[in-house]
Amino acid sequence: MVLLVVDTQKLITNADLYNFDIFVSNIKKLIKTARENNIEIIYVRHDDGVGQELTKGKDGFEIYKEFEPHKDEKIFDKTVNSPFKDTGLLEYLIKIQTKQIIVVGLQTDYCIDATVKCGFEHGFKIIVPNGTNSTFDNKYMSAKETYNYYNEFMWNGRYADCISIEQTLELMKR
């Protein structure tokens, strides 16, 4: 089992996210529990490329302060929504014989959706704890509607087990 923390970068981890305080609190609990139970935490950062705000060298590219990785925790950088495409992450997870991935981070309707679906297609058991992914309003749906659509309808029972934070913490302690 690994905890995969996707795109929780300074530029986009802010109070405009749906349920921001719950999102931050829950991810902090998962990171703490993972470290206490020797569960590997892997971070993913999104790079939009040169000239963009979300790119290497810009402060907003780095991981949000409250989730900051320890020096020995791996970080994979990606340029598309899926963290499995051309990053080395898939090969690494196969090498360490991971079967389950707890997926948390940003944004529900972009990179978390791609992570859940691509992870499933690569044969991993995907766990999505409630209140650990978020997004912003868009012109089609509010952030809340987007969150509910993916977590309650799209992923659960199809691509992932969308379970409570408490159930996830218990799984991590086994």
N, C-alpha and C. Protein backbone atom coordinates (compact mmCIF):
# COMPACT_ATOMS: atom_id res chain seq x y z
N MET A 1 0.85 -1.19 0.00
CA MET A 1 0.00 0.00 0.00
C MET A 1 0.88 1.24 0.00
N VAL A 2 0.53 2.22 -0.83
CA VAL A 2 1.19 3.52 -0.80
C VAL A 2 0.13 4.62 -0.72
N LEU A 3 0.55 5.75 -0.21
CA LEU A 3 -0.27 6.96 -0.20
C LEU A 3 0.27 7.85 -1.30
N LEU A 4 -0.56 8.12 -2.32
CA LEU A 4 -0.16 8.94 -3.44
C LEU A 4 -0.81 10.32 -3.30
N VAL A 5 0.02 11.33 -3.11
CA VAL A 5 -0.44 12.70 -2.89
C VAL A 5 -0.20 13.48 -4.19
N VAL A 6 -1.28 13.77 -4.88
CA VAL A 6 -1.21 14.30 -6.25
C VAL A 6 -1.46 15.81 -6.30
N ASP A 7 -0.50 16.53 -6.85
CA ASP A 7 -0.65 17.95 -7.23
C ASP A 7 -1.09 18.89 -6.10
N THR A 8 -0.68 18.59 -4.89
CA THR A 8 -1.01 19.50 -3.78
C THR A 8 0.08 20.58 -3.72
N GLN A 9 0.09 21.39 -4.76
CA GLN A 9 1.11 22.41 -4.92
C GLN A 9 0.64 23.77 -4.41
N LYS A 10 1.59 24.58 -4.00
CA LYS A 10 1.28 25.87 -3.38
C LYS A 10 0.34 26.74 -4.22
N LEU A 11 0.54 26.77 -5.53
CA LEU A 11 -0.26 27.65 -6.39
C LEU A 11 -1.75 27.34 -6.35
N ILE A 12 -2.10 26.06 -6.26
CA ILE A 12 -3.51 25.68 -6.35
C ILE A 12 -4.10 25.14 -5.05
N THR A 13 -3.31 25.00 -4.02
CA THR A 13 -3.84 24.53 -2.73
C THR A 13 -4.18 25.77 -1.92
N ASN A 14 -5.44 26.19 -2.03
CA ASN A 14 -5.86 27.44 -1.39
C ASN A 14 -7.33 27.38 -0.99
N ALA A 15 -7.76 28.39 -0.29
CA ALA A 15 -9.11 28.43 0.29
C ALA A 15 -10.24 28.47 -0.73
N ASP A 16 -9.93 28.66 -2.01
CA ASP A 16 -10.98 28.63 -3.04
C ASP A 16 -11.42 27.20 -3.37
N LEU A 17 -10.69 26.21 -2.90
CA LEU A 17 -11.05 24.81 -3.13
C LEU A 17 -12.30 24.43 -2.34
N TYR A 18 -13.06 23.50 -2.88
CA TYR A 18 -14.23 22.97 -2.19
C TYR A 18 -13.78 22.29 -0.89
N ASN A 19 -14.43 22.62 0.22
CA ASN A 19 -14.16 22.04 1.55
C ASN A 19 -12.69 22.08 1.92
N PHE A 20 -12.06 23.21 1.67
CA PHE A 20 -10.61 23.37 1.86
C PHE A 20 -10.12 22.89 3.23
N ASP A 21 -10.76 23.34 4.30
CA ASP A 21 -10.28 22.98 5.65
C ASP A 21 -10.36 21.48 5.91
N ILE A 22 -11.43 20.86 5.46
CA ILE A 22 -11.58 19.40 5.63
C ILE A 22 -10.54 18.68 4.78
N PHE A 23 -10.35 19.14 3.56
CA PHE A 23 -9.36 18.58 2.64
C PHE A 23 -7.97 18.58 3.30
N VAL A 24 -7.55 19.72 3.81
CA VAL A 24 -6.22 19.85 4.44
C VAL A 24 -6.13 18.96 5.68
N SER A 25 -7.12 19.03 6.52
CA SER A 25 -7.11 18.24 7.75
C SER A 25 -7.02 16.75 7.47
N ASN A 26 -7.82 16.26 6.53
CA ASN A 26 -7.83 14.82 6.22
C ASN A 26 -6.51 14.35 5.61
N ILE A 27 -5.94 15.13 4.72
CA ILE A 27 -4.67 14.72 4.13
C ILE A 27 -3.56 14.73 5.18
N LYS A 28 -3.58 15.70 6.07
CA LYS A 28 -2.59 15.72 7.15
C LYS A 28 -2.71 14.46 8.02
N LYS A 29 -3.94 14.04 8.32
CA LYS A 29 -4.15 12.81 9.10
C LYS A 29 -3.58 11.60 8.37
N LEU A 30 -3.83 11.51 7.06
CA LEU A 30 -3.34 10.38 6.29
C LEU A 30 -1.81 10.36 6.21
N ILE A 31 -1.21 11.51 6.01
CA ILE A 31 0.26 11.58 5.96
C ILE A 31 0.85 11.16 7.30
N LYS A 32 0.29 11.67 8.38
CA LYS A 32 0.77 11.32 9.72
C LYS A 32 0.64 9.81 9.97
N THR A 33 -0.51 9.26 9.64
CA THR A 33 -0.75 7.83 9.85
C THR A 33 0.15 6.98 8.96
N ALA A 34 0.36 7.40 7.74
CA ALA A 34 1.26 6.66 6.84
C ALA A 34 2.67 6.62 7.43
N ARG A 35 3.15 7.75 7.89
CA ARG A 35 4.51 7.80 8.46
C ARG A 35 4.61 6.94 9.71
N GLU A 36 3.57 6.96 10.54
CA GLU A 36 3.58 6.16 11.78
C GLU A 36 3.52 4.66 11.50
N ASN A 37 3.00 4.28 10.34
CA ASN A 37 2.80 2.86 10.02
C ASN A 37 3.69 2.36 8.87
N ASN A 38 4.74 3.13 8.60
CA ASN A 38 5.71 2.76 7.56
C ASN A 38 5.07 2.49 6.20
N ILE A 39 4.08 3.30 5.86
CA ILE A 39 3.46 3.25 4.53
C ILE A 39 4.13 4.34 3.70
N GLU A 40 4.63 3.95 2.55
CA GLU A 40 5.34 4.90 1.72
C GLU A 40 4.40 5.98 1.20
N ILE A 41 4.89 7.22 1.27
CA ILE A 41 4.17 8.37 0.72
C ILE A 41 4.91 8.80 -0.53
N ILE A 42 4.18 8.91 -1.62
CA ILE A 42 4.76 9.34 -2.89
C ILE A 42 4.00 10.60 -3.32
N TYR A 43 4.75 11.63 -3.67
CA TYR A 43 4.17 12.89 -4.11
C TYR A 43 4.28 13.02 -5.62
N VAL A 44 3.30 13.68 -6.20
CA VAL A 44 3.29 13.97 -7.63
C VAL A 44 3.08 15.47 -7.78
N ARG A 45 3.87 16.07 -8.69
CA ARG A 45 3.70 17.49 -9.00
C ARG A 45 3.41 17.64 -10.48
N HIS A 46 2.55 18.61 -10.79
CA HIS A 46 2.21 18.89 -12.19
C HIS A 46 3.04 20.06 -12.69
N ASP A 47 3.62 19.90 -13.86
CA ASP A 47 4.42 20.94 -14.49
C ASP A 47 3.76 21.36 -15.80
N ASP A 48 3.26 22.59 -15.86
CA ASP A 48 2.61 23.11 -17.06
C ASP A 48 3.61 23.57 -18.12
N GLY A 49 4.88 23.65 -17.77
CA GLY A 49 5.91 24.01 -18.74
C GLY A 49 6.43 25.43 -18.59
N VAL A 50 7.51 25.69 -19.29
CA VAL A 50 8.20 26.98 -19.25
C VAL A 50 7.24 28.11 -19.56
N GLY A 51 7.34 29.17 -18.77
CA GLY A 51 6.51 30.35 -18.98
C GLY A 51 5.19 30.31 -18.24
N GLN A 52 4.90 29.17 -17.60
CA GLN A 52 3.66 29.04 -16.84
C GLN A 52 3.95 29.23 -15.35
N GLU A 53 2.91 29.52 -14.58
CA GLU A 53 3.07 29.69 -13.14
C GLU A 53 3.33 28.36 -12.41
N LEU A 54 2.74 27.28 -12.95
CA LEU A 54 2.89 25.97 -12.33
C LEU A 54 4.00 25.21 -13.06
N THR A 55 5.25 25.62 -12.78
CA THR A 55 6.40 25.00 -13.42
C THR A 55 7.61 25.06 -12.50
N LYS A 56 8.54 24.16 -12.74
CA LYS A 56 9.77 24.10 -11.93
C LYS A 56 10.43 25.46 -11.88
N GLY A 57 10.90 25.80 -10.69
CA GLY A 57 11.57 27.08 -10.50
C GLY A 57 10.66 28.15 -9.93
N LYS A 58 9.37 27.97 -10.05
CA LYS A 58 8.40 28.93 -9.48
C LYS A 58 7.96 28.42 -8.10
N ASP A 59 7.75 29.33 -7.18
CA ASP A 59 7.38 28.95 -5.81
C ASP A 59 6.09 28.14 -5.77
N GLY A 60 5.12 28.47 -6.61
CA GLY A 60 3.84 27.78 -6.63
C GLY A 60 3.93 26.33 -7.05
N PHE A 61 5.05 25.93 -7.63
CA PHE A 61 5.25 24.55 -8.09
C PHE A 61 5.48 23.59 -6.92
N GLU A 62 6.03 24.10 -5.84
CA GLU A 62 6.41 23.24 -4.72
C GLU A 62 5.18 22.74 -3.95
N ILE A 63 5.38 21.67 -3.20
CA ILE A 63 4.30 21.05 -2.41
C ILE A 63 3.85 22.01 -1.31
N TYR A 64 2.55 22.08 -1.11
CA TYR A 64 1.92 22.89 -0.06
C TYR A 64 2.61 22.61 1.28
N LYS A 65 2.93 23.66 2.00
CA LYS A 65 3.72 23.59 3.23
C LYS A 65 3.23 22.54 4.23
N GLU A 66 1.93 22.45 4.45
CA GLU A 66 1.41 21.53 5.48
C GLU A 66 1.50 20.06 5.07
N PHE A 67 1.81 19.80 3.81
CA PHE A 67 1.95 18.42 3.33
C PHE A 67 3.40 18.10 2.95
N GLU A 68 4.28 19.00 3.22
CA GLU A 68 5.67 18.92 2.75
C GLU A 68 6.30 17.53 2.94
N PRO A 69 6.89 17.03 1.87
CA PRO A 69 7.52 15.71 1.96
C PRO A 69 8.79 15.74 2.81
N HIS A 70 9.07 14.61 3.43
CA HIS A 70 10.36 14.42 4.10
C HIS A 70 11.40 14.17 3.02
N LYS A 71 12.65 14.34 3.36
CA LYS A 71 13.74 14.21 2.38
C LYS A 71 13.79 12.84 1.70
N ASP A 72 13.37 11.80 2.41
CA ASP A 72 13.44 10.45 1.84
C ASP A 72 12.18 10.04 1.07
N GLU A 73 11.20 10.92 0.98
CA GLU A 73 9.96 10.60 0.27
C GLU A 73 10.07 11.01 -1.19
N LYS A 74 9.65 10.14 -2.08
CA LYS A 74 9.80 10.33 -3.52
C LYS A 74 8.80 11.35 -4.07
N ILE A 75 9.28 12.08 -5.09
CA ILE A 75 8.44 13.02 -5.83
C ILE A 75 8.60 12.71 -7.31
N PHE A 76 7.47 12.55 -7.99
CA PHE A 76 7.46 12.34 -9.44
C PHE A 76 6.80 13.57 -10.07
N ASP A 77 7.39 14.07 -11.14
CA ASP A 77 6.83 15.22 -11.84
C ASP A 77 6.19 14.74 -13.14
N LYS A 78 5.05 15.37 -13.48
CA LYS A 78 4.32 14.98 -14.69
C LYS A 78 3.94 16.22 -15.49
N THR A 79 3.60 15.99 -16.76
CA THR A 79 3.20 17.10 -17.63
C THR A 79 1.81 16.90 -18.21
N VAL A 80 1.16 15.78 -17.86
CA VAL A 80 -0.21 15.48 -18.28
C VAL A 80 -1.01 15.09 -17.04
N ASN A 81 -2.31 14.89 -17.19
CA ASN A 81 -3.14 14.58 -16.02
C ASN A 81 -2.75 13.29 -15.32
N SER A 82 -2.38 12.26 -16.05
CA SER A 82 -2.04 10.98 -15.43
C SER A 82 -0.61 10.96 -14.91
N PRO A 83 -0.43 10.58 -13.63
CA PRO A 83 0.93 10.49 -13.09
C PRO A 83 1.66 9.23 -13.56
N PHE A 84 0.96 8.36 -14.27
CA PHE A 84 1.56 7.10 -14.74
C PHE A 84 2.24 7.24 -16.09
N LYS A 85 1.98 8.32 -16.82
CA LYS A 85 2.49 8.48 -18.18
C LYS A 85 3.87 9.14 -18.18
N ASP A 86 4.87 8.36 -18.55
CA ASP A 86 6.24 8.86 -18.76
C ASP A 86 6.86 9.55 -17.55
N THR A 87 6.54 9.06 -16.34
CA THR A 87 7.11 9.66 -15.13
C THR A 87 8.04 8.71 -14.38
N GLY A 88 7.91 7.42 -14.64
CA GLY A 88 8.64 6.41 -13.87
C GLY A 88 7.84 5.90 -12.69
N LEU A 89 6.71 6.52 -12.39
CA LEU A 89 5.89 6.10 -11.24
C LEU A 89 5.39 4.66 -11.41
N LEU A 90 4.84 4.34 -12.56
CA LEU A 90 4.30 3.00 -12.78
C LEU A 90 5.40 1.95 -12.58
N GLU A 91 6.53 2.17 -13.17
CA GLU A 91 7.63 1.23 -13.05
C GLU A 91 8.07 1.08 -11.59
N TYR A 92 8.10 2.20 -10.87
CA TYR A 92 8.48 2.16 -9.47
C TYR A 92 7.47 1.35 -8.65
N LEU A 93 6.19 1.59 -8.86
CA LEU A 93 5.15 0.87 -8.11
C LEU A 93 5.20 -0.64 -8.40
N ILE A 94 5.48 -0.99 -9.64
CA ILE A 94 5.63 -2.40 -9.98
C ILE A 94 6.85 -2.99 -9.29
N LYS A 95 7.95 -2.25 -9.30
CA LYS A 95 9.20 -2.71 -8.67
C LYS A 95 9.01 -3.00 -7.19
N ILE A 96 8.27 -2.13 -6.48
CA ILE A 96 8.07 -2.33 -5.04
C ILE A 96 6.85 -3.21 -4.74
N GLN A 97 6.25 -3.74 -5.79
CA GLN A 97 5.13 -4.68 -5.70
C GLN A 97 3.92 -4.13 -4.95
N THR A 98 3.61 -2.89 -5.23
CA THR A 98 2.42 -2.26 -4.65
C THR A 98 1.16 -2.84 -5.28
N LYS A 99 0.18 -3.11 -4.43
CA LYS A 99 -1.12 -3.60 -4.92
C LYS A 99 -2.22 -2.56 -4.72
N GLN A 100 -2.09 -1.76 -3.65
CA GLN A 100 -3.13 -0.77 -3.31
C GLN A 100 -2.54 0.63 -3.31
N ILE A 101 -3.31 1.57 -3.82
CA ILE A 101 -2.92 2.98 -3.81
C ILE A 101 -4.04 3.80 -3.19
N ILE A 102 -3.70 4.55 -2.16
CA ILE A 102 -4.63 5.53 -1.60
C ILE A 102 -4.35 6.83 -2.36
N VAL A 103 -5.36 7.33 -3.07
CA VAL A 103 -5.20 8.50 -3.93
C VAL A 103 -5.84 9.72 -3.28
N VAL A 104 -5.04 10.78 -3.10
CA VAL A 104 -5.53 12.04 -2.54
C VAL A 104 -4.93 13.20 -3.34
N GLY A 105 -5.59 14.35 -3.29
CA GLY A 105 -5.00 15.54 -3.89
C GLY A 105 -5.92 16.32 -4.80
N LEU A 106 -5.30 16.94 -5.82
CA LEU A 106 -5.98 17.90 -6.69
C LEU A 106 -5.80 17.55 -8.16
N GLN A 107 -6.65 17.99 -8.96
CA GLN A 107 -8.02 18.41 -8.79
C GLN A 107 -8.92 17.24 -9.13
N THR A 108 -10.02 17.13 -8.44
CA THR A 108 -10.94 16.02 -8.60
C THR A 108 -11.22 15.69 -10.06
N ASP A 109 -11.57 16.70 -10.85
CA ASP A 109 -12.04 16.49 -12.22
C ASP A 109 -10.93 16.45 -13.26
N TYR A 110 -9.71 16.60 -12.85
CA TYR A 110 -8.58 16.54 -13.78
C TYR A 110 -7.64 15.41 -13.38
N CYS A 111 -6.64 15.73 -12.62
CA CYS A 111 -5.58 14.76 -12.33
C CYS A 111 -6.00 13.65 -11.38
N ILE A 112 -6.92 13.89 -10.47
CA ILE A 112 -7.37 12.81 -9.60
C ILE A 112 -8.21 11.82 -10.41
N ASP A 113 -9.07 12.32 -11.28
CA ASP A 113 -9.85 11.43 -12.14
C ASP A 113 -8.91 10.57 -13.00
N ALA A 114 -7.90 11.18 -13.60
CA ALA A 114 -6.95 10.43 -14.43
C ALA A 114 -6.17 9.42 -13.58
N THR A 115 -5.77 9.80 -12.39
CA THR A 115 -5.02 8.92 -11.51
C THR A 115 -5.85 7.70 -11.11
N VAL A 116 -7.10 7.95 -10.73
CA VAL A 116 -7.98 6.85 -10.32
C VAL A 116 -8.20 5.89 -11.49
N LYS A 117 -8.57 6.40 -12.64
CA LYS A 117 -8.89 5.54 -13.78
C LYS A 117 -7.66 4.84 -14.35
N CYS A 118 -6.57 5.56 -14.48
CA CYS A 118 -5.35 4.94 -15.02
C CYS A 118 -4.77 3.94 -14.03
N GLY A 119 -4.81 4.27 -12.75
CA GLY A 119 -4.34 3.32 -11.73
C GLY A 119 -5.14 2.03 -11.77
N PHE A 120 -6.44 2.17 -11.87
CA PHE A 120 -7.32 1.00 -12.01
C PHE A 120 -6.94 0.18 -13.24
N GLU A 121 -6.75 0.86 -14.37
CA GLU A 121 -6.42 0.16 -15.61
C GLU A 121 -5.07 -0.54 -15.54
N HIS A 122 -4.18 -0.06 -14.69
CA HIS A 122 -2.88 -0.71 -14.50
C HIS A 122 -2.94 -1.83 -13.46
N GLY A 123 -4.15 -2.09 -12.93
CA GLY A 123 -4.33 -3.24 -12.04
C GLY A 123 -4.20 -2.97 -10.56
N PHE A 124 -4.12 -1.72 -10.18
CA PHE A 124 -4.03 -1.39 -8.75
C PHE A 124 -5.42 -1.30 -8.14
N LYS A 125 -5.52 -1.67 -6.87
CA LYS A 125 -6.74 -1.43 -6.09
C LYS A 125 -6.64 0.02 -5.63
N ILE A 126 -7.59 0.82 -6.03
CA ILE A 126 -7.57 2.26 -5.74
C ILE A 126 -8.53 2.55 -4.59
N ILE A 127 -8.02 3.29 -3.61
CA ILE A 127 -8.82 3.73 -2.47
C ILE A 127 -8.86 5.25 -2.50
N VAL A 128 -10.06 5.81 -2.45
CA VAL A 128 -10.23 7.27 -2.42
C VAL A 128 -10.97 7.61 -1.13
N PRO A 129 -10.24 8.12 -0.12
CA PRO A 129 -10.89 8.50 1.13
C PRO A 129 -11.75 9.76 0.94
N ASN A 130 -12.90 9.77 1.58
CA ASN A 130 -13.78 10.95 1.51
C ASN A 130 -13.07 12.19 2.02
N GLY A 131 -13.30 13.29 1.35
CA GLY A 131 -12.76 14.57 1.79
C GLY A 131 -11.27 14.73 1.58
N THR A 132 -10.69 13.98 0.63
CA THR A 132 -9.25 14.09 0.40
C THR A 132 -8.91 14.46 -1.04
N ASN A 133 -9.91 14.83 -1.81
CA ASN A 133 -9.66 15.43 -3.12
C ASN A 133 -10.59 16.63 -3.22
N SER A 134 -10.21 17.56 -4.06
CA SER A 134 -11.02 18.77 -4.18
C SER A 134 -10.77 19.42 -5.53
N THR A 135 -11.56 20.45 -5.79
CA THR A 135 -11.44 21.20 -7.03
C THR A 135 -12.09 22.57 -6.87
N PHE A 136 -12.12 23.29 -7.96
CA PHE A 136 -12.72 24.63 -8.01
C PHE A 136 -14.01 24.58 -8.83
N ASP A 137 -14.86 25.59 -8.67
CA ASP A 137 -16.03 25.73 -9.53
C ASP A 137 -15.57 25.84 -10.98
N ASN A 138 -16.38 25.32 -11.90
CA ASN A 138 -16.11 25.53 -13.33
C ASN A 138 -17.40 26.01 -13.98
N LYS A 139 -17.38 26.27 -15.27
CA LYS A 139 -18.57 26.85 -15.90
C LYS A 139 -19.72 25.85 -16.05
N TYR A 140 -19.47 24.57 -15.79
CA TYR A 140 -20.50 23.55 -15.93
C TYR A 140 -21.09 23.08 -14.59
N MET A 141 -20.24 23.01 -13.57
CA MET A 141 -20.67 22.51 -12.26
C MET A 141 -19.94 23.26 -11.15
N SER A 142 -20.60 23.32 -10.01
CA SER A 142 -19.90 23.86 -8.85
C SER A 142 -18.86 22.84 -8.40
N ALA A 143 -17.92 23.25 -7.60
CA ALA A 143 -16.90 22.34 -7.08
C ALA A 143 -17.55 21.23 -6.27
N LYS A 144 -18.59 21.57 -5.52
CA LYS A 144 -19.30 20.56 -4.72
C LYS A 144 -19.95 19.52 -5.62
N GLU A 145 -20.63 19.98 -6.67
CA GLU A 145 -21.27 19.04 -7.61
C GLU A 145 -20.21 18.16 -8.28
N THR A 146 -19.09 18.74 -8.64
CA THR A 146 -18.01 17.99 -9.27
C THR A 146 -17.49 16.92 -8.31
N TYR A 147 -17.22 17.33 -7.08
CA TYR A 147 -16.73 16.40 -6.06
C TYR A 147 -17.71 15.24 -5.90
N ASN A 148 -18.98 15.54 -5.72
CA ASN A 148 -20.00 14.51 -5.52
C ASN A 148 -20.13 13.60 -6.74
N TYR A 149 -20.10 14.17 -7.92
CA TYR A 149 -20.23 13.39 -9.15
C TYR A 149 -19.14 12.31 -9.24
N TYR A 150 -17.90 12.72 -9.04
CA TYR A 150 -16.79 11.76 -9.16
C TYR A 150 -16.73 10.79 -7.98
N ASN A 151 -16.82 11.29 -6.77
CA ASN A 151 -16.65 10.46 -5.58
C ASN A 151 -17.82 9.52 -5.32
N GLU A 152 -19.04 9.99 -5.61
CA GLU A 152 -20.22 9.18 -5.29
C GLU A 152 -20.75 8.40 -6.49
N PHE A 153 -20.54 8.92 -7.69
CA PHE A 153 -21.13 8.29 -8.87
C PHE A 153 -20.07 7.65 -9.79
N MET A 154 -19.12 8.42 -10.24
CA MET A 154 -18.20 7.96 -11.27
C MET A 154 -17.23 6.87 -10.78
N TRP A 155 -16.54 7.09 -9.67
CA TRP A 155 -15.48 6.17 -9.26
C TRP A 155 -15.95 5.02 -8.40
N ASN A 156 -16.80 5.30 -7.42
CA ASN A 156 -17.11 4.31 -6.39
C ASN A 156 -17.75 3.06 -6.98
N GLY A 157 -17.13 1.91 -6.70
CA GLY A 157 -17.65 0.64 -7.19
C GLY A 157 -17.29 0.34 -8.63
N ARG A 158 -16.71 1.31 -9.32
CA ARG A 158 -16.27 1.10 -10.71
C ARG A 158 -14.75 1.03 -10.77
N TYR A 159 -14.14 2.14 -10.39
CA TYR A 159 -12.69 2.27 -10.49
C TYR A 159 -12.01 2.26 -9.12
N ALA A 160 -12.77 2.51 -8.08
CA ALA A 160 -12.17 2.69 -6.75
C ALA A 160 -13.16 2.34 -5.66
N ASP A 161 -12.62 2.19 -4.47
CA ASP A 161 -13.43 2.14 -3.26
C ASP A 161 -13.35 3.52 -2.63
N CYS A 162 -14.45 4.25 -2.68
CA CYS A 162 -14.53 5.56 -2.06
C CYS A 162 -15.09 5.34 -0.66
N ILE A 163 -14.21 5.47 0.33
CA ILE A 163 -14.56 5.11 1.70
C ILE A 163 -14.28 6.27 2.65
N SER A 164 -14.76 6.15 3.87
CA SER A 164 -14.58 7.22 4.84
C SER A 164 -13.11 7.37 5.23
N ILE A 165 -12.78 8.52 5.73
CA ILE A 165 -11.43 8.77 6.22
C ILE A 165 -11.11 7.81 7.37
N GLU A 166 -12.10 7.53 8.20
CA GLU A 166 -11.90 6.62 9.34
C GLU A 166 -11.59 5.20 8.86
N GLN A 167 -12.33 4.72 7.87
CA GLN A 167 -12.06 3.39 7.31
C GLN A 167 -10.65 3.33 6.71
N THR A 168 -10.26 4.40 6.04
CA THR A 168 -8.93 4.44 5.43
C THR A 168 -7.85 4.41 6.49
N LEU A 169 -8.01 5.19 7.54
CA LEU A 169 -7.02 5.20 8.63
C LEU A 169 -6.89 3.82 9.26
N GLU A 170 -8.01 3.11 9.42
CA GLU A 170 -7.98 1.75 9.96
C GLU A 170 -7.22 0.80 9.03
N LEU A 171 -7.46 0.90 7.73
CA LEU A 171 -6.74 0.07 6.75
C LEU A 171 -5.24 0.30 6.84
N MET A 172 -4.85 1.53 7.07
CA MET A 172 -3.43 1.89 7.14
C MET A 172 -2.75 1.35 8.39
N LYS A 173 -3.52 1.05 9.41
CA LYS A 173 -2.95 0.59 10.68
C LYS A 173 -2.81 -0.93 10.75
N ARG A 174 -3.28 -1.63 9.73
CA ARG A 174 -3.21 -3.11 9.74
C ARG A 174 -1.83 -3.61 9.44
